[in-house]
Amino acid sequence: MFEIKYNGILYKAGQPIIGTPKSDYHGLHGVILEIRDGSEKETDNPTPDIYCCFAPPHSPAEIRDLERRFSELYQISKSIEDIPLDLVIVAPDEIRLL
């Protein structure tokens, strides 16, 4: 699916986004790749599955913060190379359109 309207917001493949504080990817910029809903979804979430690609952070401080967040989430040390950025499924409230 290339677009879906959810809670009054039209999400489209190709739109630039930023991760919200509700997301493990908050602060990262990216783009919507694909949207799935209904029987096409991969998750059990009640919202549409929005597939995104995020750009890695540039500054060493941002990289350390992302590594810390994911290390705490998975309870194992994670480096930037261990963190998936290229095909991430998020809920609509985890991203904001730019």
Protein backbone atom coordinates (compact mmCIF):
# COMPACT_ATOMS: atom_id res chain seq x y z
CA MET A 1 0.00 0.00 0.00
CA PHE A 2 1.36 3.40 -0.90
CA GLU A 3 -0.79 5.60 1.33
CA ILE A 4 -3.27 5.47 4.19
CA LYS A 5 -5.18 8.05 6.17
CA TYR A 6 -4.97 7.37 9.91
CA ASN A 7 -6.31 9.68 12.63
CA GLY A 8 -6.73 12.43 10.06
CA ILE A 9 -3.14 12.24 8.79
CA LEU A 10 -2.30 11.01 5.30
CA TYR A 11 0.79 8.80 5.33
CA LYS A 12 2.43 8.12 1.95
CA ALA A 13 5.40 6.11 0.77
CA GLY A 14 8.29 8.48 0.11
CA GLN A 15 7.35 11.04 2.77
CA PRO A 16 10.16 12.32 5.01
CA ILE A 17 9.69 11.64 8.72
CA ILE A 18 11.30 12.03 12.13
CA GLY A 19 11.00 9.60 15.03
CA THR A 20 8.90 10.88 17.96
CA PRO A 21 9.71 10.45 21.67
CA LYS A 22 7.35 7.42 21.66
CA SER A 23 9.79 5.62 19.35
CA ASP A 24 13.12 3.97 20.02
CA TYR A 25 14.21 5.90 16.93
CA HIS A 26 13.22 9.33 18.29
CA GLY A 27 15.13 12.18 16.75
CA LEU A 28 16.21 10.20 13.69
CA HIS A 29 15.21 11.37 10.22
CA GLY A 30 13.98 8.94 7.64
CA VAL A 31 11.50 8.15 4.93
CA ILE A 32 8.38 5.98 4.66
CA LEU A 33 9.01 3.00 2.40
CA GLU A 34 5.70 1.14 2.57
CA ILE A 35 2.46 0.94 4.55
CA ARG A 36 0.53 -2.22 5.38
CA ASP A 37 -2.83 -2.67 7.06
CA GLY A 38 -5.36 -5.43 7.61
CA SER A 39 -4.30 -8.94 6.56
CA GLU A 40 -1.07 -7.58 4.99
CA LYS A 41 0.36 -6.50 8.39
CA GLU A 42 3.29 -8.28 10.02
CA THR A 43 2.58 -7.07 13.57
CA ASP A 44 -0.34 -7.54 15.93
CA ASN A 45 -0.53 -3.79 16.58
CA PRO A 46 -3.99 -2.25 16.16
CA THR A 47 -2.48 0.47 13.95
CA PRO A 48 -1.13 0.25 10.39
CA ASP A 49 2.44 -1.03 9.96
CA ILE A 50 4.57 1.78 8.54
CA TYR A 51 7.88 0.58 7.11
CA CYS A 52 10.61 3.20 7.37
CA CYS A 53 14.26 3.67 6.63
CA PHE A 54 16.14 5.89 9.09
CA ALA A 55 19.41 7.69 8.47
CA PRO A 56 22.09 7.00 11.09
CA PRO A 57 22.92 9.90 13.39
CA HIS A 58 26.00 11.93 12.52
CA SER A 59 27.36 13.21 15.81
CA PRO A 60 29.21 10.93 18.22
CA ALA A 61 26.87 12.02 21.05
CA GLU A 62 23.77 11.03 19.04
CA ILE A 63 25.35 7.69 18.15
CA ARG A 64 26.17 7.00 21.81
CA ASP A 65 22.60 7.90 22.82
CA LEU A 66 21.11 5.56 20.20
CA GLU A 67 23.49 2.76 21.22
CA ARG A 68 22.54 3.26 24.88
CA ARG A 69 18.80 3.18 24.09
CA PHE A 70 19.07 -0.06 22.12
CA SER A 71 21.45 -1.64 24.62
CA GLU A 72 18.90 -0.97 27.37
CA LEU A 73 16.03 -2.19 25.18
CA TYR A 74 17.71 -5.50 24.30
CA GLN A 75 19.67 -5.76 27.57
CA ILE A 76 22.87 -6.45 25.66
CA SER A 77 25.53 -4.06 24.38
CA LYS A 78 24.61 -2.71 20.93
CA SER A 79 26.78 -0.68 18.58
CA ILE A 80 25.47 1.47 15.73
CA GLU A 81 26.22 -1.41 13.33
CA ASP A 82 23.86 -3.68 15.35
CA ILE A 83 20.88 -1.34 15.19
CA PRO A 84 18.45 -1.88 12.30
CA LEU A 85 17.83 1.37 10.45
CA ASP A 86 16.99 0.32 6.90
CA LEU A 87 13.68 -1.53 7.34
CA VAL A 88 11.90 -0.61 10.56
CA ILE A 89 8.20 -1.16 11.28
CA VAL A 90 6.67 1.64 13.33
CA ALA A 91 3.22 2.73 14.42
CA PRO A 92 1.87 6.11 13.26
CA ASP A 93 2.43 7.74 16.68
CA GLU A 94 6.13 6.84 16.52
CA ILE A 95 6.79 9.16 13.60
CA ARG A 96 5.96 12.71 12.58
CA LEU A 97 5.77 13.81 8.98
CA LEU A 98 8.20 16.55 7.93
